[in-house]
Amino acid sequence: MKKVYALILVFVAILVALSVGYADQNSEPGSQQDPLVSKSYVDSQYNEVKAYVDDKLKEAKTGASYEVVELNAGEVLTMEGGTQAIVRIANSAVIVTKTDGVADLTAGTNLKNNDIIPANHLLLFPRSDGRGIKATKRTYIVVIGKYTKN
């Protein structure tokens, strides 16, 4: 029986020694390894991250919304890179400047300068280099992306 008590006593002593050794390894609060921070610092970091996320969400929301634009005869939409457009009525022509053209994703063709855009075809404007759409008569265009109306 004394051996059991001695064994338990040795086991407890080992656990105490290990606990003291582990506690000694942990950093002191406020040290380089375990720094303390103030509430104002945490709040400022939170506000920075929140503003960044809000800006990104705002960009994503504005960049992914469809907008219906009405053009009268002679008016021009100049598209930025990555903008897509669907011409609802075939009353407009493509404007291309010194480049290959505009991709007609519906027909799988490339429209050149002054080509008439077929109704309800999806167009992709790959660069911000002056490409756009010019209305020959009153027309409606569904645009997703950035553009300038002239």
Protein backbone atom coordinates (compact mmCIF):
# COMPACT_ATOMS: atom_id res chain seq x y z
CA MET A 1 0.00 0.00 0.00
CA LYS A 2 2.88 2.33 0.78
CA LYS A 3 4.15 1.71 -2.73
CA VAL A 4 0.87 2.95 -4.23
CA TYR A 5 0.98 6.12 -2.14
CA ALA A 6 4.60 6.65 -3.08
CA LEU A 7 3.77 6.14 -6.77
CA ILE A 8 0.90 8.65 -6.58
CA LEU A 9 3.14 11.12 -4.76
CA VAL A 10 5.82 10.79 -7.45
CA PHE A 11 3.19 11.22 -10.18
CA VAL A 12 1.81 14.38 -8.52
CA ALA A 13 5.33 15.74 -8.10
CA ILE A 14 6.04 15.19 -11.81
CA LEU A 15 2.78 16.97 -12.77
CA VAL A 16 3.65 19.94 -10.52
CA ALA A 17 7.14 20.15 -12.01
CA LEU A 18 5.76 20.06 -15.54
CA SER A 19 3.15 22.70 -14.73
CA VAL A 20 5.76 25.04 -13.27
CA GLY A 21 8.01 24.51 -16.29
CA TYR A 22 5.16 25.19 -18.74
CA ALA A 23 4.06 28.30 -16.87
CA ASP A 24 7.63 29.58 -16.93
CA GLN A 25 7.76 29.20 -20.74
CA ASN A 26 4.68 31.36 -21.35
CA SER A 27 5.35 34.99 -22.06
CA GLU A 28 4.59 37.67 -19.57
CA PRO A 29 1.52 39.74 -20.53
CA GLY A 30 2.64 42.92 -22.25
CA SER A 31 5.92 41.46 -23.51
CA GLN A 32 6.99 41.28 -27.16
CA GLN A 33 5.58 37.75 -27.45
CA ASP A 34 2.25 38.62 -25.76
CA PRO A 35 1.56 42.33 -26.35
CA LEU A 36 -1.31 44.21 -24.78
CA VAL A 37 -3.40 46.45 -27.04
CA SER A 38 -5.70 49.29 -26.23
CA LYS A 39 -9.36 49.47 -27.18
CA SER A 40 -8.69 52.52 -29.35
CA TYR A 41 -6.10 50.56 -31.37
CA VAL A 42 -8.52 47.66 -31.90
CA ASP A 43 -11.29 50.11 -32.87
CA SER A 44 -9.04 51.88 -35.39
CA GLN A 45 -8.01 48.59 -36.98
CA TYR A 46 -11.64 47.48 -37.11
CA ASN A 47 -12.69 50.76 -38.79
CA GLU A 48 -9.94 50.42 -41.41
CA VAL A 49 -10.97 46.87 -42.29
CA LYS A 50 -14.66 47.82 -42.33
CA ALA A 51 -14.02 50.76 -44.68
CA TYR A 52 -11.97 48.53 -47.00
CA VAL A 53 -14.67 45.86 -47.13
CA ASP A 54 -17.41 48.46 -47.66
CA ASP A 55 -15.47 49.98 -50.58
CA LYS A 56 -14.97 46.58 -52.20
CA LEU A 57 -18.64 45.71 -51.80
CA LYS A 58 -19.63 49.08 -53.27
CA GLU A 59 -17.35 48.51 -56.30
CA ALA A 60 -18.71 45.03 -56.83
CA LYS A 61 -22.29 46.24 -56.56
CA THR A 62 -21.89 49.16 -58.97
CA GLY A 63 -19.82 47.15 -61.42
CA ALA A 64 -22.35 44.32 -61.67
CA SER A 65 -25.64 46.16 -62.13
CA TYR A 66 -27.54 46.45 -65.38
CA GLU A 67 -28.62 49.84 -66.59
CA VAL A 68 -30.95 50.67 -69.46
CA VAL A 69 -29.68 53.63 -71.49
CA GLU A 70 -31.77 55.46 -74.08
CA LEU A 71 -29.92 56.93 -77.06
CA ASN A 72 -31.32 59.33 -79.63
CA ALA A 73 -30.03 59.53 -83.20
CA GLY A 74 -26.39 60.63 -83.26
CA GLU A 75 -25.68 60.03 -79.58
CA VAL A 76 -22.72 57.85 -78.63
CA LEU A 77 -21.92 55.53 -75.73
CA THR A 78 -18.16 55.15 -75.21
CA MET A 79 -17.47 51.97 -73.28
CA GLU A 80 -14.67 51.19 -70.85
CA GLY A 81 -12.79 47.90 -70.83
CA GLY A 82 -14.82 44.90 -69.71
CA THR A 83 -18.18 46.57 -70.32
CA GLN A 84 -20.95 44.51 -71.90
CA ALA A 85 -23.95 45.81 -73.80
CA ILE A 86 -27.12 44.43 -75.34
CA VAL A 87 -28.69 46.57 -78.07
CA ARG A 88 -32.46 46.08 -77.81
CA ILE A 89 -33.35 47.59 -81.22
CA ALA A 90 -31.11 47.28 -84.28
CA ASN A 91 -30.77 51.05 -84.73
CA SER A 92 -27.12 51.50 -83.91
CA ALA A 93 -23.63 50.95 -85.22
CA VAL A 94 -20.30 50.01 -83.68
CA ILE A 95 -17.55 52.58 -83.20
CA VAL A 96 -14.06 51.13 -83.35
CA THR A 97 -10.76 53.04 -83.19
CA LYS A 98 -7.60 51.51 -84.71
CA THR A 99 -8.26 48.11 -83.18
CA ASP A 100 -9.70 44.73 -84.08
CA GLY A 101 -13.35 45.45 -83.37
CA VAL A 102 -16.01 44.55 -80.84
CA ALA A 103 -16.86 40.97 -79.93
CA ASP A 104 -20.45 39.97 -80.70
CA LEU A 105 -20.74 37.14 -78.19
CA THR A 106 -24.19 36.07 -79.43
CA ALA A 107 -23.15 35.51 -83.03
CA GLY A 108 -19.54 34.64 -82.27
CA THR A 109 -18.28 37.30 -84.66
CA ASN A 110 -16.19 40.44 -84.57
CA LEU A 111 -17.98 43.68 -85.50
CA LYS A 112 -15.93 46.27 -87.35
CA ASN A 113 -16.33 50.05 -87.47
CA ASN A 114 -19.82 51.21 -88.57
CA ASP A 115 -21.27 47.66 -88.64
CA ILE A 116 -24.95 47.61 -87.68
CA ILE A 117 -25.47 45.81 -84.38
CA PRO A 118 -28.17 43.12 -84.56
CA ALA A 119 -30.99 43.40 -82.01
CA ASN A 120 -30.60 41.53 -78.72
CA HIS A 121 -26.94 40.60 -79.28
CA LEU A 122 -24.48 40.70 -76.37
CA LEU A 123 -21.37 42.77 -77.11
CA LEU A 124 -18.10 42.83 -75.17
CA PHE A 125 -15.82 45.87 -75.19
CA PRO A 126 -12.38 44.56 -74.17
CA ARG A 127 -10.44 47.84 -73.76
CA SER A 128 -10.94 51.47 -72.84
CA ASP A 129 -9.75 52.81 -76.17
CA GLY A 130 -12.73 54.73 -77.56
CA ARG A 131 -14.85 51.79 -78.73
CA GLY A 132 -18.55 52.29 -78.36
CA ILE A 133 -22.01 52.40 -79.89
CA LYS A 134 -23.51 55.17 -82.02
CA ALA A 135 -27.28 55.38 -82.42
CA THR A 136 -28.57 55.81 -85.98
CA LYS A 137 -32.14 56.15 -84.64
CA ARG A 138 -33.65 56.16 -81.18
CA THR A 139 -32.62 52.96 -79.39
CA TYR A 140 -32.30 51.32 -75.98
CA ILE A 141 -29.16 49.61 -74.76
CA VAL A 142 -28.75 47.46 -71.65
CA VAL A 143 -25.27 48.13 -70.24
CA ILE A 144 -23.30 46.36 -67.53
CA GLY A 145 -20.11 48.18 -66.66
CA LYS A 146 -18.78 51.70 -67.05
CA TYR A 147 -19.54 53.99 -69.97
CA THR A 148 -19.71 57.64 -71.01
CA LYS A 149 -22.68 59.07 -72.88
CA ASN A 150 -21.84 61.81 -75.43
